[in-house]
PDB file of all heavy atoms in Angstrom:
ATOM      1  N   GLY A   1       9.475  -6.564  17.741  1.00  0.00           N
ATOM      2  CA  GLY A   1       8.883  -5.381  18.335  1.00  0.00           C
ATOM      3  C   GLY A   1       7.420  -5.639  18.614  1.00  0.00           C
ATOM      4  O   GLY A   1       6.768  -6.393  17.904  1.00  0.00           O
ATOM      5  N   ALA A   2       6.931  -5.048  19.657  1.00  0.00           N
ATOM      6  CA  ALA A   2       5.531  -5.233  20.025  1.00  0.00           C
ATOM      7  C   ALA A   2       4.679  -4.162  19.363  1.00  0.00           C
ATOM      8  O   ALA A   2       5.064  -3.005  19.317  1.00  0.00           O
ATOM      9  CB  ALA A   2       5.366  -5.162  21.536  1.00  0.00           C
ATOM     10  N   VAL A   3       3.528  -4.553  18.846  1.00  0.00           N
ATOM     11  CA  VAL A   3       2.578  -3.597  18.294  1.00  0.00           C
ATOM     12  C   VAL A   3       1.642  -3.212  19.423  1.00  0.00           C
ATOM     13  O   VAL A   3       1.005  -4.054  20.034  1.00  0.00           O
ATOM     14  CB  VAL A   3       1.793  -4.201  17.109  1.00  0.00           C
ATOM     15  CG1 VAL A   3       0.730  -3.233  16.634  1.00  0.00           C
ATOM     16  CG2 VAL A   3       2.735  -4.549  15.984  1.00  0.00           C
ATOM     17  N   THR A   4       1.601  -1.915  19.721  1.00  0.00           N
ATOM     18  CA  THR A   4       0.735  -1.422  20.788  1.00  0.00           C
ATOM     19  C   THR A   4      -0.296  -0.487  20.189  1.00  0.00           C
ATOM     20  O   THR A   4      -0.252  -0.152  19.022  1.00  0.00           O
ATOM     21  CB  THR A   4       1.571  -0.679  21.852  1.00  0.00           C
ATOM     22  OG1 THR A   4       2.224   0.419  21.223  1.00  0.00           O
ATOM     23  CG2 THR A   4       2.604  -1.608  22.484  1.00  0.00           C
ATOM     24  N   SER A   5      -1.216  -0.047  20.991  1.00  0.00           N
ATOM     25  CA  SER A   5      -2.275   0.840  20.532  1.00  0.00           C
ATOM     26  C   SER A   5      -1.679   2.047  19.817  1.00  0.00           C
ATOM     27  O   SER A   5      -0.729   2.662  20.297  1.00  0.00           O
ATOM     28  CB  SER A   5      -3.105   1.309  21.724  1.00  0.00           C
ATOM     29  OG  SER A   5      -4.095   2.214  21.297  1.00  0.00           O
ATOM     30  N   GLY A   6      -2.191   2.369  18.652  1.00  0.00           N
ATOM     31  CA  GLY A   6      -1.736   3.531  17.907  1.00  0.00           C
ATOM     32  C   GLY A   6      -0.631   3.209  16.905  1.00  0.00           C
ATOM     33  O   GLY A   6      -0.208   4.085  16.178  1.00  0.00           O
ATOM     34  N   THR A   7      -0.156   1.982  16.870  1.00  0.00           N
ATOM     35  CA  THR A   7       0.850   1.587  15.888  1.00  0.00           C
ATOM     36  C   THR A   7       0.252   0.501  15.009  1.00  0.00           C
ATOM     37  O   THR A   7      -0.758  -0.098  15.341  1.00  0.00           O
ATOM     38  CB  THR A   7       2.134   1.052  16.560  1.00  0.00           C
ATOM     39  OG1 THR A   7       1.799  -0.110  17.294  1.00  0.00           O
ATOM     40  CG2 THR A   7       2.751   2.089  17.467  1.00  0.00           C
ATOM     41  N   TYR A   8       0.891   0.250  13.879  1.00  0.00           N
ATOM     42  CA  TYR A   8       0.308  -0.725  12.988  1.00  0.00           C
ATOM     43  C   TYR A   8       1.278  -1.769  12.490  1.00  0.00           C
ATOM     44  O   TYR A   8       0.890  -2.667  11.753  1.00  0.00           O
ATOM     45  CB  TYR A   8      -0.374  -0.037  11.797  1.00  0.00           C
ATOM     46  CG  TYR A   8       0.577   0.752  10.930  1.00  0.00           C
ATOM     47  CD1 TYR A   8       1.205   0.159   9.843  1.00  0.00           C
ATOM     48  CD2 TYR A   8       0.862   2.079  11.200  1.00  0.00           C
ATOM     49  CE1 TYR A   8       2.084   0.876   9.054  1.00  0.00           C
ATOM     50  CE2 TYR A   8       1.734   2.791  10.414  1.00  0.00           C
ATOM     51  CZ  TYR A   8       2.336   2.186   9.338  1.00  0.00           C
ATOM     52  OH  TYR A   8       3.201   2.892   8.557  1.00  0.00           O
ATOM     53  N   ALA A   9       2.529  -1.716  12.831  1.00  0.00           N
ATOM     54  CA  ALA A   9       3.463  -2.716  12.333  1.00  0.00           C
ATOM     55  C   ALA A   9       4.621  -2.898  13.296  1.00  0.00           C
ATOM     56  O   ALA A   9       5.173  -1.932  13.796  1.00  0.00           O
ATOM     57  CB  ALA A   9       4.003  -2.304  10.965  1.00  0.00           C
ATOM     58  N   ALA A  10       4.966  -4.157  13.568  1.00  0.00           N
ATOM     59  CA  ALA A  10       6.155  -4.434  14.354  1.00  0.00           C
ATOM     60  C   ALA A  10       7.380  -4.382  13.454  1.00  0.00           C
ATOM     61  O   ALA A  10       8.467  -4.079  13.893  1.00  0.00           O
ATOM     62  CB  ALA A  10       6.037  -5.800  15.020  1.00  0.00           C
ATOM     63  N   LEU A  11       7.204  -4.670  12.187  1.00  0.00           N
ATOM     64  CA  LEU A  11       8.277  -4.597  11.207  1.00  0.00           C
ATOM     65  C   LEU A  11       7.698  -3.995   9.942  1.00  0.00           C
ATOM     66  O   LEU A  11       6.692  -4.461   9.436  1.00  0.00           O
ATOM     67  CB  LEU A  11       8.837  -5.992  10.914  1.00  0.00           C
ATOM     68  CG  LEU A  11       9.936  -6.095   9.862  1.00  0.00           C
ATOM     69  CD1 LEU A  11      11.169  -5.315  10.305  1.00  0.00           C
ATOM     70  CD2 LEU A  11      10.301  -7.547   9.627  1.00  0.00           C
ATOM     71  N   LYS A  12       8.321  -2.953   9.448  1.00  0.00           N
ATOM     72  CA  LYS A  12       7.807  -2.262   8.269  1.00  0.00           C
ATOM     73  C   LYS A  12       8.956  -1.972   7.333  1.00  0.00           C
ATOM     74  O   LYS A  12      10.019  -1.556   7.755  1.00  0.00           O
ATOM     75  CB  LYS A  12       7.137  -0.947   8.669  1.00  0.00           C
ATOM     76  CG  LYS A  12       6.639  -0.139   7.485  1.00  0.00           C
ATOM     77  CD  LYS A  12       6.093   1.215   7.918  1.00  0.00           C
ATOM     78  CE  LYS A  12       5.690   2.023   6.702  1.00  0.00           C
ATOM     79  NZ  LYS A  12       5.324   3.379   7.039  1.00  0.00           N
ATOM     80  N   GLY A  13       8.728  -2.196   6.067  1.00  0.00           N
ATOM     81  CA  GLY A  13       9.696  -1.824   5.050  1.00  0.00           C
ATOM     82  C   GLY A  13       8.999  -0.967   4.019  1.00  0.00           C
ATOM     83  O   GLY A  13       7.909  -1.297   3.557  1.00  0.00           O
ATOM     84  N   THR A  14       9.579   0.141   3.648  1.00  0.00           N
ATOM     85  CA  THR A  14       8.980   1.045   2.666  1.00  0.00           C
ATOM     86  C   THR A  14       9.876   1.094   1.438  1.00  0.00           C
ATOM     87  O   THR A  14      11.076   1.290   1.547  1.00  0.00           O
ATOM     88  CB  THR A  14       8.836   2.458   3.250  1.00  0.00           C
ATOM     89  OG1 THR A  14       8.031   2.382   4.424  1.00  0.00           O
ATOM     90  CG2 THR A  14       8.185   3.400   2.249  1.00  0.00           C
ATOM     91  N   ASN A  15       9.264   0.896   0.287  1.00  0.00           N
ATOM     92  CA  ASN A  15       9.991   0.934  -0.969  1.00  0.00           C
ATOM     93  C   ASN A  15       9.446   2.090  -1.792  1.00  0.00           C
ATOM     94  O   ASN A  15       8.282   2.112  -2.151  1.00  0.00           O
ATOM     95  CB  ASN A  15       9.793  -0.394  -1.703  1.00  0.00           C
ATOM     96  CG  ASN A  15      10.524  -0.437  -3.023  1.00  0.00           C
ATOM     97  OD1 ASN A  15      11.124   0.546  -3.434  1.00  0.00           O
ATOM     98  ND2 ASN A  15      10.466  -1.558  -3.689  1.00  0.00           N
ATOM     99  N   THR A  16      10.284   3.060  -2.097  1.00  0.00           N
ATOM    100  CA  THR A  16       9.840   4.218  -2.873  1.00  0.00           C
ATOM    101  C   THR A  16      10.361   4.190  -4.304  1.00  0.00           C
ATOM    102  O   THR A  16      10.176   5.151  -5.043  1.00  0.00           O
ATOM    103  CB  THR A  16      10.293   5.528  -2.184  1.00  0.00           C
ATOM    104  OG1 THR A  16      11.717   5.521  -2.082  1.00  0.00           O
ATOM    105  CG2 THR A  16       9.675   5.662  -0.798  1.00  0.00           C
ATOM    106  N   ALA A  17      11.013   3.076  -4.683  1.00  0.00           N
ATOM    107  CA  ALA A  17      11.521   2.963  -6.055  1.00  0.00           C
ATOM    108  C   ALA A  17      10.351   2.916  -7.032  1.00  0.00           C
ATOM    109  O   ALA A  17       9.294   2.373  -6.749  1.00  0.00           O
ATOM    110  CB  ALA A  17      12.371   1.709  -6.197  1.00  0.00           C
ATOM    111  N   THR A  18      10.525   3.510  -8.220  1.00  0.00           N
ATOM    112  CA  THR A  18       9.463   3.523  -9.228  1.00  0.00           C
ATOM    113  C   THR A  18       9.754   2.587 -10.390  1.00  0.00           C
ATOM    114  O   THR A  18       8.948   2.472 -11.309  1.00  0.00           O
ATOM    115  CB  THR A  18       9.266   4.955  -9.774  1.00  0.00           C
ATOM    116  OG1 THR A  18      10.503   5.411 -10.316  1.00  0.00           O
ATOM    117  CG2 THR A  18       8.795   5.882  -8.660  1.00  0.00           C
ATOM    118  N   ALA A  19      10.895   1.898 -10.352  1.00  0.00           N
ATOM    119  CA  ALA A  19      11.221   0.963 -11.428  1.00  0.00           C
ATOM    120  C   ALA A  19      12.151  -0.119 -10.891  1.00  0.00           C
ATOM    121  O   ALA A  19      12.790   0.039  -9.851  1.00  0.00           O
ATOM    122  CB  ALA A  19      11.893   1.700 -12.588  1.00  0.00           C
ATOM    123  N   GLY A  20      12.214  -1.214 -11.598  1.00  0.00           N
ATOM    124  CA  GLY A  20      13.122  -2.293 -11.231  1.00  0.00           C
ATOM    125  C   GLY A  20      12.473  -3.297 -10.294  1.00  0.00           C
ATOM    126  O   GLY A  20      11.354  -3.102  -9.816  1.00  0.00           O
ATOM    127  N   GLU A  21      13.184  -4.380 -10.047  1.00  0.00           N
ATOM    128  CA  GLU A  21      12.694  -5.425  -9.149  1.00  0.00           C
ATOM    129  C   GLU A  21      13.109  -5.057  -7.726  1.00  0.00           C
ATOM    130  O   GLU A  21      14.269  -5.143  -7.355  1.00  0.00           O
ATOM    131  CB  GLU A  21      13.297  -6.777  -9.523  1.00  0.00           C
ATOM    132  CG  GLU A  21      12.744  -7.908  -8.705  1.00  0.00           C
ATOM    133  CD  GLU A  21      13.333  -9.250  -9.105  1.00  0.00           C
ATOM    134  OE1 GLU A  21      13.639  -9.451 -10.291  1.00  0.00           O
ATOM    135  OE2 GLU A  21      13.488 -10.070  -8.203  1.00  0.00           O
ATOM    136  N   THR A  22      12.161  -4.580  -6.937  1.00  0.00           N
ATOM    137  CA  THR A  22      12.462  -4.115  -5.591  1.00  0.00           C
ATOM    138  C   THR A  22      11.423  -4.653  -4.624  1.00  0.00           C
ATOM    139  O   THR A  22      10.340  -5.074  -5.023  1.00  0.00           O
ATOM    140  CB  THR A  22      12.483  -2.587  -5.527  1.00  0.00           C
ATOM    141  OG1 THR A  22      11.188  -2.105  -5.874  1.00  0.00           O
ATOM    142  CG2 THR A  22      13.507  -1.998  -6.477  1.00  0.00           C
ATOM    143  N   SER A  23      11.741  -4.608  -3.343  1.00  0.00           N
ATOM    144  CA  SER A  23      10.829  -5.082  -2.306  1.00  0.00           C
ATOM    145  C   SER A  23      10.863  -4.140  -1.126  1.00  0.00           C
ATOM    146  O   SER A  23      11.915  -3.605  -0.781  1.00  0.00           O
ATOM    147  CB  SER A  23      11.243  -6.477  -1.814  1.00  0.00           C
ATOM    148  OG  SER A  23      11.267  -7.403  -2.870  1.00  0.00           O
ATOM    149  N   GLY A  24       9.732  -3.974  -0.475  1.00  0.00           N
ATOM    150  CA  GLY A  24       9.688  -3.223   0.771  1.00  0.00           C
ATOM    151  C   GLY A  24      10.188  -4.097   1.907  1.00  0.00           C
ATOM    152  O   GLY A  24      11.017  -3.700   2.698  1.00  0.00           O
ATOM    153  N   VAL A  25       9.703  -5.317   1.978  1.00  0.00           N
ATOM    154  CA  VAL A  25      10.156  -6.327   2.930  1.00  0.00           C
ATOM    155  C   VAL A  25      10.296  -7.608   2.146  1.00  0.00           C
ATOM    156  O   VAL A  25       9.397  -7.993   1.405  1.00  0.00           O
ATOM    157  CB  VAL A  25       9.158  -6.526   4.091  1.00  0.00           C
ATOM    158  CG1 VAL A  25       9.603  -7.663   5.000  1.00  0.00           C
ATOM    159  CG2 VAL A  25       8.989  -5.244   4.889  1.00  0.00           C
ATOM    160  N   ARG A  26      11.413  -8.275   2.315  1.00  0.00           N
ATOM    161  CA  ARG A  26      11.636  -9.491   1.548  1.00  0.00           C
ATOM    162  C   ARG A  26      12.184 -10.572   2.466  1.00  0.00           C
ATOM    163  O   ARG A  26      13.007 -10.304   3.325  1.00  0.00           O
ATOM    164  CB  ARG A  26      12.647  -9.212   0.438  1.00  0.00           C
ATOM    165  CG  ARG A  26      12.969 -10.417  -0.400  1.00  0.00           C
ATOM    166  CD  ARG A  26      13.943 -10.041  -1.477  1.00  0.00           C
ATOM    167  NE  ARG A  26      14.374 -11.225  -2.201  1.00  0.00           N
ATOM    168  CZ  ARG A  26      14.946 -11.199  -3.371  1.00  0.00           C
ATOM    169  NH1 ARG A  26      15.168 -10.043  -3.958  1.00  0.00           N
ATOM    170  NH2 ARG A  26      15.326 -12.303  -3.958  1.00  0.00           N
ATOM    171  N   GLY A  27      11.705 -11.750   2.298  1.00  0.00           N
ATOM    172  CA  GLY A  27      12.206 -12.876   3.071  1.00  0.00           C
ATOM    173  C   GLY A  27      12.526 -14.020   2.142  1.00  0.00           C
ATOM    174  O   GLY A  27      11.821 -14.242   1.160  1.00  0.00           O
ATOM    175  N   GLU A  28      13.583 -14.723   2.427  1.00  0.00           N
ATOM    176  CA  GLU A  28      13.979 -15.863   1.606  1.00  0.00           C
ATOM    177  C   GLU A  28      14.345 -17.024   2.509  1.00  0.00           C
ATOM    178  O   GLU A  28      14.812 -16.828   3.622  1.00  0.00           O
ATOM    179  CB  GLU A  28      15.200 -15.513   0.744  1.00  0.00           C
ATOM    180  CG  GLU A  28      14.956 -14.434  -0.267  1.00  0.00           C
ATOM    181  CD  GLU A  28      16.197 -14.117  -1.079  1.00  0.00           C
ATOM    182  OE1 GLU A  28      17.223 -14.804  -0.920  1.00  0.00           O
ATOM    183  OE2 GLU A  28      16.139 -13.168  -1.864  1.00  0.00           O
ATOM    184  N   SER A  29      14.124 -18.222   2.015  1.00  0.00           N
ATOM    185  CA  SER A  29      14.541 -19.414   2.738  1.00  0.00           C
ATOM    186  C   SER A  29      15.153 -20.383   1.747  1.00  0.00           C
ATOM    187  O   SER A  29      14.571 -20.658   0.704  1.00  0.00           O
ATOM    188  CB  SER A  29      13.344 -20.070   3.440  1.00  0.00           C
ATOM    189  OG  SER A  29      13.748 -21.299   4.013  1.00  0.00           O
ATOM    190  N   GLY A  30      16.320 -20.899   2.049  1.00  0.00           N
ATOM    191  CA  GLY A  30      16.971 -21.887   1.201  1.00  0.00           C
ATOM    192  C   GLY A  30      16.548 -23.299   1.541  1.00  0.00           C
ATOM    193  O   GLY A  30      16.896 -24.242   0.842  1.00  0.00           O
ATOM    194  N   SER A  31      15.797 -23.478   2.598  1.00  0.00           N
ATOM    195  CA  SER A  31      15.355 -24.801   3.026  1.00  0.00           C
ATOM    196  C   SER A  31      14.091 -25.200   2.278  1.00  0.00           C
ATOM    197  O   SER A  31      13.178 -24.401   2.121  1.00  0.00           O
ATOM    198  CB  SER A  31      15.067 -24.775   4.528  1.00  0.00           C
ATOM    199  OG  SER A  31      14.396 -25.957   4.920  1.00  0.00           O
ATOM    200  N   PRO A  32      13.997 -26.457   1.794  1.00  0.00           N
ATOM    201  CA  PRO A  32      12.779 -26.890   1.096  1.00  0.00           C
ATOM    202  C   PRO A  32      11.550 -26.884   2.004  1.00  0.00           C
ATOM    203  O   PRO A  32      10.427 -26.835   1.529  1.00  0.00           O
ATOM    204  CB  PRO A  32      13.106 -28.304   0.614  1.00  0.00           C
ATOM    205  CG  PRO A  32      14.304 -28.740   1.379  1.00  0.00           C
ATOM    206  CD  PRO A  32      15.004 -27.511   1.842  1.00  0.00           C
ATOM    207  N   SER A  33      11.745 -26.904   3.313  1.00  0.00           N
ATOM    208  CA  SER A  33      10.589 -26.861   4.215  1.00  0.00           C
ATOM    209  C   SER A  33      10.513 -25.525   4.958  1.00  0.00           C
ATOM    210  O   SER A  33       9.742 -25.375   5.891  1.00  0.00           O
ATOM    211  CB  SER A  33      10.669 -28.007   5.227  1.00  0.00           C
ATOM    212  OG  SER A  33      11.849 -27.911   5.995  1.00  0.00           O
ATOM    213  N   GLY A  34      11.328 -24.538   4.554  1.00  0.00           N
ATOM    214  CA  GLY A  34      11.353 -23.242   5.223  1.00  0.00           C
ATOM    215  C   GLY A  34      10.349 -22.275   4.631  1.00  0.00           C
ATOM    216  O   GLY A  34       9.701 -22.549   3.617  1.00  0.00           O
ATOM    217  N   THR A  35      10.202 -21.147   5.268  1.00  0.00           N
ATOM    218  CA  THR A  35       9.291 -20.101   4.829  1.00  0.00           C
ATOM    219  C   THR A  35      10.077 -18.808   4.695  1.00  0.00           C
ATOM    220  O   THR A  35      10.782 -18.413   5.632  1.00  0.00           O
ATOM    221  CB  THR A  35       8.155 -19.907   5.862  1.00  0.00           C
ATOM    222  OG1 THR A  35       7.489 -21.152   6.047  1.00  0.00           O
ATOM    223  CG2 THR A  35       7.172 -18.851   5.404  1.00  0.00           C
ATOM    224  N   GLY A  36       9.956 -18.137   3.547  1.00  0.00           N
ATOM    225  CA  GLY A  36      10.642 -16.866   3.349  1.00  0.00           C
ATOM    226  C   GLY A  36      10.038 -15.767   4.188  1.00  0.00           C
ATOM    227  O   GLY A  36      10.736 -15.031   4.870  1.00  0.00           O
ATOM    228  N   VAL A  37       8.728 -15.655   4.169  1.00  0.00           N
ATOM    229  CA  VAL A  37       8.011 -14.683   4.991  1.00  0.00           C
ATOM    230  C   VAL A  37       6.838 -15.416   5.609  1.00  0.00           C
ATOM    231  O   VAL A  37       6.101 -16.117   4.927  1.00  0.00           O
ATOM    232  CB  VAL A  37       7.497 -13.486   4.150  1.00  0.00           C
ATOM    233  CG1 VAL A  37       6.664 -12.544   5.009  1.00  0.00           C
ATOM    234  CG2 VAL A  37       8.659 -12.735   3.520  1.00  0.00           C
ATOM    235  N   HIS A  38       6.663 -15.249   6.909  1.00  0.00           N
ATOM    236  CA  HIS A  38       5.594 -15.946   7.621  1.00  0.00           C
ATOM    237  C   HIS A  38       4.853 -14.931   8.467  1.00  0.00           C
ATOM    238  O   HIS A  38       5.464 -14.099   9.123  1.00  0.00           O
ATOM    239  CB  HIS A  38       6.200 -17.028   8.527  1.00  0.00           C
ATOM    240  CG  HIS A  38       5.198 -17.767   9.341  1.00  0.00           C
ATOM    241  ND1 HIS A  38       4.558 -18.885   8.891  1.00  0.00           N
ATOM    242  CD2 HIS A  38       4.725 -17.540  10.592  1.00  0.00           C
ATOM    243  CE1 HIS A  38       3.736 -19.328   9.817  1.00  0.00           C
ATOM    244  NE2 HIS A  38       3.815 -18.534  10.862  1.00  0.00           N
ATOM    245  N   GLY A  39       3.546 -14.971   8.452  1.00  0.00           N
ATOM    246  CA  GLY A  39       2.752 -14.073   9.275  1.00  0.00           C
ATOM    247  C   GLY A  39       1.609 -14.823   9.915  1.00  0.00           C
ATOM    248  O   GLY A  39       1.063 -15.756   9.334  1.00  0.00           O
ATOM    249  N   GLU A  40       1.244 -14.444  11.113  1.00  0.00           N
ATOM    250  CA  GLU A  40       0.128 -15.058  11.818  1.00  0.00           C
ATOM    251  C   GLU A  40      -0.746 -13.970  12.405  1.00  0.00           C
ATOM    252  O   GLU A  40      -0.257 -12.919  12.802  1.00  0.00           O
ATOM    253  CB  GLU A  40       0.626 -15.968  12.940  1.00  0.00           C
ATOM    254  CG  GLU A  40       1.398 -17.160  12.426  1.00  0.00           C
ATOM    255  CD  GLU A  40       1.761 -18.139  13.535  1.00  0.00           C
ATOM    256  OE1 GLU A  40       1.092 -18.117  14.590  1.00  0.00           O
ATOM    257  OE2 GLU A  40       2.692 -18.911  13.327  1.00  0.00           O
ATOM    258  N   ALA A  41      -2.032 -14.238  12.468  1.00  0.00           N
ATOM    259  CA  ALA A  41      -2.973 -13.307  13.083  1.00  0.00           C
ATOM    260  C   ALA A  41      -3.718 -14.048  14.182  1.00  0.00           C
ATOM    261  O   ALA A  41      -4.187 -15.162  13.977  1.00  0.00           O
ATOM    262  CB  ALA A  41      -3.953 -12.773  12.047  1.00  0.00           C
ATOM    263  N   GLY A  42      -3.807 -13.446  15.341  1.00  0.00           N
ATOM    264  CA  GLY A  42      -4.479 -14.094  16.458  1.00  0.00           C
ATOM    265  C   GLY A  42      -5.601 -13.259  17.033  1.00  0.00           C
ATOM    266  O   GLY A  42      -6.111 -13.580  18.091  1.00  0.00           O
ATOM    267  N   ALA A  43      -5.990 -12.179  16.354  1.00  0.00           N
ATOM    268  CA  ALA A  43      -7.065 -11.321  16.864  1.00  0.00           C
ATOM    269  C   ALA A  43      -8.384 -12.081  16.847  1.00  0.00           C
ATOM    270  O   ALA A  43      -8.631 -12.908  15.975  1.00  0.00           O
ATOM    271  CB  ALA A  43      -7.175 -10.061  16.027  1.00  0.00           C
TER     272      ALA A  43
END
């Protein structure tokens, strides 16, 4: 998704749990050279 003026995330996950092992956004990679979550900034 494209982030345009007035928005702040192309992908958003919200976690409202108050206990336990939880994630809002989670990424995993089984590859030894992979990345579970990758982000870049070009501003």
